[in-house]
Protein backbone atom coordinates (compact mmCIF):
# COMPACT_ATOMS: atom_id res chain seq x y z
CA MET A 1 -86.90 109.33 100.00
CA ARG A 2 -88.16 108.78 103.55
CA ILE A 3 -91.25 109.83 105.46
CA ARG A 4 -91.23 111.02 109.00
CA PRO A 5 -93.63 112.85 111.45
CA TYR A 6 -94.18 116.50 110.76
CA ILE A 7 -92.31 118.77 113.16
CA PRO A 8 -94.16 122.12 113.40
CA GLY A 9 -91.19 124.34 114.31
CA ARG A 10 -89.01 122.80 111.67
CA ASP A 11 -91.35 122.02 108.74
CA TYR A 12 -94.05 124.69 108.58
CA GLU A 13 -91.88 127.07 106.60
CA TYR A 14 -91.48 124.45 103.81
CA VAL A 15 -95.17 123.69 103.52
CA ALA A 16 -96.08 127.46 103.55
CA LYS A 17 -93.56 128.02 100.75
CA TRP A 18 -95.10 125.21 98.70
CA VAL A 19 -98.64 126.62 99.09
CA ASP A 20 -97.51 129.83 97.31
CA ASN A 21 -100.61 131.09 95.63
CA GLU A 22 -104.43 131.20 96.24
CA ARG A 23 -105.36 128.54 93.68
CA THR A 24 -102.75 126.02 94.98
CA HIS A 25 -104.06 126.75 98.50
CA ALA A 26 -107.61 125.99 97.38
CA PHE A 27 -106.70 122.76 95.52
CA TRP A 28 -104.60 121.69 98.56
CA CYS A 29 -106.96 122.39 101.47
CA ALA A 30 -110.36 123.27 99.94
CA ASN A 31 -110.05 126.55 101.89
CA LEU A 32 -110.45 124.75 105.28
CA ILE A 33 -107.58 127.13 106.28
CA PRO A 34 -108.01 130.79 105.43
CA TYR A 35 -105.78 132.20 102.74
CA PRO A 36 -102.97 133.24 103.27
CA MET A 37 -102.23 130.44 105.75
CA THR A 38 -100.57 131.23 109.01
CA PRO A 39 -98.73 128.96 111.38
CA LYS A 40 -101.56 129.28 113.81
CA SER A 41 -104.38 128.44 111.34
CA PHE A 42 -102.44 125.53 109.93
CA HIS A 43 -101.50 124.01 113.28
CA GLU A 44 -104.97 124.52 114.67
CA LEU A 45 -106.42 122.51 111.74
CA LEU A 46 -103.82 119.78 112.20
CA GLU A 47 -104.59 119.53 115.92
CA LYS A 48 -108.35 119.52 115.30
CA ASN A 49 -108.07 116.79 112.69
CA ALA A 50 -105.76 114.80 114.99
CA ALA A 51 -108.22 114.99 117.85
CA GLU A 52 -111.38 114.34 115.81
CA ARG A 53 -110.10 111.99 113.06
CA THR A 54 -106.79 110.65 114.39
CA ASP A 55 -104.99 112.36 111.48
CA CYS A 56 -101.21 112.20 111.70
CA SER A 57 -99.01 114.61 109.68
CA TYR A 58 -96.01 113.47 107.72
CA VAL A 59 -93.16 115.04 105.83
CA ALA A 60 -91.44 113.26 102.98
CA THR A 61 -87.71 114.03 102.86
CA GLU A 62 -84.94 113.41 100.47
CA ASN A 63 -82.15 111.07 101.87
CA ASP A 64 -80.31 114.12 103.09
CA GLY A 65 -83.31 115.20 105.27
CA GLN A 66 -84.49 118.05 103.03
CA PRO A 67 -88.23 118.25 103.06
CA ALA A 68 -89.86 117.46 99.59
CA GLY A 69 -93.57 116.85 100.50
CA PHE A 70 -96.23 116.72 103.11
CA PHE A 71 -99.45 114.71 103.75
CA CYS A 72 -101.81 113.69 106.40
CA TYR A 73 -102.98 110.15 107.02
CA SER A 74 -105.66 108.49 109.16
CA ILE A 75 -107.31 105.18 109.36
CA ASN A 76 -110.78 104.35 110.37
CA THR A 77 -110.33 101.40 112.72
CA GLU A 78 -113.99 100.23 112.28
CA ASP A 79 -113.54 99.44 108.52
CA ASN A 80 -109.78 99.69 108.15
CA LEU A 81 -110.10 102.27 105.39
CA GLY A 82 -107.23 104.76 105.30
CA PHE A 83 -107.46 108.31 104.19
CA LEU A 84 -104.78 110.70 102.76
CA LYS A 85 -105.31 114.31 102.63
CA PHE A 86 -103.37 117.66 102.39
CA ILE A 87 -101.01 116.16 99.91
CA ILE A 88 -98.42 118.57 98.48
CA ILE A 89 -94.94 118.41 96.88
CA ASP A 90 -92.36 121.12 96.75
CA ARG A 91 -93.21 123.17 93.54
CA GLU A 92 -89.63 122.75 92.27
CA LYS A 93 -89.89 118.98 92.53
CA ARG A 94 -93.25 118.46 90.84
CA GLY A 95 -93.33 116.49 87.70
CA LYS A 96 -90.07 114.72 88.66
CA GLY A 97 -91.38 111.58 90.41
CA TYR A 98 -91.31 112.91 93.96
CA GLY A 99 -95.07 112.76 94.35
CA LYS A 100 -95.29 109.23 93.09
CA GLU A 101 -92.40 108.17 95.45
CA MET A 102 -94.02 109.90 98.46
CA LEU A 103 -97.37 108.26 97.70
CA HIS A 104 -95.74 104.83 97.33
CA LEU A 105 -94.17 105.26 100.77
CA ALA A 106 -97.48 106.50 102.25
CA LEU A 107 -99.31 103.48 100.85
CA GLN A 108 -96.68 101.06 102.15
CA TYR A 109 -97.06 102.65 105.61
CA ALA A 110 -100.88 102.45 105.36
CA PHE A 111 -101.00 98.80 104.19
CA ARG A 112 -98.08 97.21 106.09
CA ILE A 113 -98.07 99.25 109.29
CA THR A 114 -101.62 100.37 109.95
CA GLY A 115 -103.31 97.38 108.33
CA ALA A 116 -105.53 99.38 105.93
CA THR A 117 -107.42 97.30 103.42
CA ALA A 118 -107.74 100.27 101.10
CA VAL A 119 -106.74 103.97 101.10
CA GLN A 120 -108.78 106.79 99.73
CA LEU A 121 -108.36 110.45 99.03
CA ASN A 122 -110.28 113.25 97.37
CA VAL A 123 -108.98 115.50 94.56
CA PHE A 124 -110.57 118.29 92.56
CA GLN A 125 -110.92 117.26 88.96
CA GLU A 126 -109.57 120.61 87.94
CA ASN A 127 -106.24 119.67 89.64
CA ALA A 128 -105.47 117.41 86.71
CA LEU A 129 -101.73 116.96 87.39
CA ALA A 130 -102.44 115.76 90.92
CA LYS A 131 -105.14 113.43 89.69
CA GLN A 132 -102.79 112.01 87.09
CA CYS A 133 -100.19 111.41 89.72
CA TYR A 134 -102.64 109.53 92.01
CA GLU A 135 -103.82 107.40 89.15
CA LYS A 136 -100.23 106.52 88.14
CA VAL A 137 -99.68 105.26 91.72
CA GLY A 138 -102.70 103.01 91.43
CA PHE A 139 -105.65 105.05 92.69
CA VAL A 140 -108.91 104.59 90.78
CA GLU A 141 -111.95 106.83 90.88
CA ARG A 142 -114.86 105.39 92.85
CA ALA A 143 -117.12 108.37 93.00
CA ALA A 144 -117.36 111.94 91.65
CA GLU A 145 -119.35 114.97 92.72
CA VAL A 146 -120.02 117.73 90.22
CA ASN A 147 -119.69 121.46 91.01
CA VAL A 148 -119.24 120.92 94.79
CA PHE A 149 -116.67 123.67 95.43
CA ALA A 150 -116.74 127.39 94.51
CA TYR A 151 -113.48 129.01 93.79
CA LYS A 152 -113.78 132.62 92.61
CA ASP A 153 -116.04 132.44 89.57
CA GLU A 154 -115.44 128.67 88.96
CA LEU A 155 -117.27 125.56 90.21
CA TRP A 156 -115.00 122.54 90.80
CA SER A 157 -115.90 118.91 90.80
CA ARG A 158 -114.43 116.37 93.27
CA SER A 159 -113.32 112.79 92.77
CA ASN A 160 -112.94 110.27 95.43
CA LEU A 161 -110.07 107.82 94.54
CA ILE A 162 -109.16 104.61 96.16
CA ALA A 163 -106.13 102.35 96.13
CA PHE A 164 -105.87 98.71 97.25
CA PRO A 165 -102.79 96.72 98.25
CA GLU A 166 -100.92 95.04 95.42
CA ARG A 167 -101.48 91.38 95.34
């Protein structure tokens, strides 16, 4: 697996296919983009986050170049704390190690290239499979907020997880 910059005209169709239902969409972006997502709404959010938070968007590919996952990454240069968001893996590849491999590459990039001292992410506790994947990669919970997001008739809680470089 490799990571490379996201290419809107080439990669959007994959990301849109992976966000294939309303619940997945809410888990993935906390409804920061209206459902169903459009290329315009997605790219406007990516551009806004790039301008305001220096987010960069990446695609994880198999060695043959086939997209397998997507994430955004930024680093706060004041405290060297990295942040991962909008993490998603192709539905057909979930549960097969692709998420862990993509996150390992993202963390290597964060620690070795950008000099992050730690990397954090947020995950809804109701997204148990994603949270398990993050924990298997080395993320640990550092904070939790109860009932912070309304999805239909449910209230979801959010965990903030953090990972540190391996010593």
